[in-house]
Amino acid sequence: METQSPNRSLCNWNGPVYSPFSGQPTYDEAVDAVDPANNPTFLFCFHGDVGLFAHQSARLLELDPSLEQDGPLEAAENVVLGEGGFVLEVDCGWSGIVIYGFAPGSEDRC
């Protein structure tokens, strides 16, 4: 079982999650055409209950190629934090814990 990291924000939620940098949804049942590849600020989604990544962006894998083989969650978190982003841990109730990594797009960075 994943433990709460001091680098994560925690919330209880069971609905769509939106990138705070782009405003785009990561997933939404009501939106058929949500493609995570179209959102450069959404770096990863990790399902804590099964211990697997559901999404790893090309940007994340470019910054740390070792993650391509489902590298450790901590390494993905470090990439996000190094890019000036943050990690959101969402308690989805019976669906388990889902961890999202977001970072600002290149046009948003100082």
Protein backbone atom coordinates (compact mmCIF):
# COMPACT_ATOMS: atom_id res chain seq x y z
CA MET A 1 0.00 0.00 0.00
CA GLU A 2 1.29 3.45 -0.95
CA THR A 3 1.97 5.82 1.93
CA GLN A 4 1.31 9.55 1.89
CA SER A 5 4.38 11.40 0.68
CA PRO A 6 5.19 14.84 2.10
CA ASN A 7 5.53 16.01 -1.52
CA ARG A 8 1.89 15.24 -2.38
CA SER A 9 -1.32 17.16 -1.93
CA LEU A 10 -4.14 14.88 -0.77
CA CYS A 11 -7.84 15.14 -1.57
CA ASN A 12 -10.92 12.94 -1.49
CA TRP A 13 -12.68 13.05 -4.84
CA ASN A 14 -14.56 10.80 -7.19
CA GLY A 15 -14.91 12.85 -10.35
CA PRO A 16 -12.83 14.20 -13.20
CA VAL A 17 -9.43 15.65 -12.34
CA TYR A 18 -8.23 18.68 -14.27
CA SER A 19 -4.70 19.89 -14.81
CA PRO A 20 -4.18 23.07 -12.78
CA PHE A 21 -1.80 24.36 -15.45
CA SER A 22 -3.84 23.77 -18.61
CA GLY A 23 -7.39 23.35 -17.28
CA GLN A 24 -7.78 20.21 -19.39
CA PRO A 25 -9.31 17.07 -17.87
CA THR A 26 -7.12 14.02 -17.35
CA TYR A 27 -10.14 11.80 -17.86
CA ASP A 28 -13.86 12.41 -18.00
CA GLU A 29 -16.52 9.83 -18.82
CA ALA A 30 -18.66 12.61 -20.31
CA VAL A 31 -15.87 13.61 -22.73
CA ASP A 32 -15.13 10.85 -25.21
CA ALA A 33 -12.16 12.51 -26.87
CA VAL A 34 -9.91 13.24 -23.88
CA ASP A 35 -6.41 12.30 -25.03
CA PRO A 36 -3.69 12.74 -22.39
CA ALA A 37 -1.12 13.17 -25.17
CA ASN A 38 -2.78 16.52 -26.00
CA ASN A 39 -2.07 17.86 -22.51
CA PRO A 40 1.66 18.56 -22.02
CA THR A 41 1.09 19.50 -18.36
CA PHE A 42 -0.24 16.03 -17.41
CA LEU A 43 2.89 13.94 -16.80
CA PHE A 44 1.57 10.78 -15.17
CA CYS A 45 -1.27 8.90 -13.54
CA PHE A 46 -0.48 6.06 -11.13
CA HIS A 47 -3.01 3.63 -9.65
CA GLY A 48 -1.82 2.94 -6.12
CA ASP A 49 -4.11 -0.02 -5.54
CA VAL A 50 -2.45 -2.03 -8.32
CA GLY A 51 0.93 -0.26 -8.32
CA LEU A 52 0.92 0.57 -12.04
CA PHE A 53 1.07 3.66 -14.19
CA ALA A 54 -2.08 4.28 -16.23
CA HIS A 55 -0.41 7.15 -18.10
CA GLN A 56 3.17 8.28 -18.62
CA SER A 57 3.62 11.25 -20.93
CA ALA A 58 6.29 11.46 -23.60
CA ARG A 59 7.66 14.46 -21.69
CA LEU A 60 8.05 12.42 -18.49
CA LEU A 61 9.83 9.61 -20.34
CA GLU A 62 12.09 12.11 -22.11
CA LEU A 63 13.11 13.61 -18.77
CA ASP A 64 13.72 10.18 -17.18
CA PRO A 65 13.93 7.29 -19.67
CA SER A 66 14.24 4.74 -16.83
CA LEU A 67 10.53 5.24 -16.14
CA GLU A 68 9.64 3.55 -19.44
CA GLN A 69 9.73 0.19 -17.70
CA ASP A 70 7.21 1.34 -15.05
CA GLY A 71 9.99 2.79 -12.93
CA PRO A 72 9.35 3.67 -9.32
CA LEU A 73 6.65 6.19 -8.48
CA GLU A 74 9.16 8.21 -6.46
CA ALA A 75 11.28 8.77 -9.57
CA ALA A 76 8.24 10.11 -11.46
CA GLU A 77 7.39 12.37 -8.52
CA ASN A 78 10.96 13.72 -8.51
CA VAL A 79 10.72 14.55 -12.22
CA VAL A 80 7.46 16.45 -11.66
CA LEU A 81 8.85 18.37 -8.69
CA GLY A 82 12.04 19.15 -10.64
CA GLU A 83 9.90 20.66 -13.39
CA GLY A 84 8.19 23.00 -10.92
CA GLY A 85 5.01 20.94 -10.74
CA PHE A 86 3.19 19.06 -8.03
CA VAL A 87 1.78 15.64 -7.27
CA LEU A 88 -1.86 15.16 -6.33
CA GLU A 89 -2.96 12.05 -4.44
CA VAL A 90 -6.68 11.45 -4.86
CA ASP A 91 -8.60 9.08 -2.60
CA CYS A 92 -11.38 7.83 -4.86
CA GLY A 93 -13.12 5.79 -2.16
CA TRP A 94 -13.76 2.24 -3.27
CA SER A 95 -11.73 2.88 -6.44
CA GLY A 96 -8.54 3.32 -4.39
CA ILE A 97 -5.77 5.90 -4.48
CA VAL A 98 -4.84 7.53 -7.78
CA ILE A 99 -1.74 9.73 -7.98
CA TYR A 100 -1.42 12.42 -10.65
CA GLY A 101 1.68 14.38 -11.66
CA PHE A 102 1.35 17.82 -13.23
CA ALA A 103 3.97 20.35 -14.30
CA PRO A 104 3.70 23.66 -16.10
CA GLY A 105 4.15 23.64 -19.87
CA SER A 106 7.31 25.09 -21.35
CA GLU A 107 5.50 28.35 -22.09
CA ASP A 108 4.49 28.64 -18.40
CA ARG A 109 7.96 28.19 -16.91
CA CYS A 110 10.12 31.11 -15.89
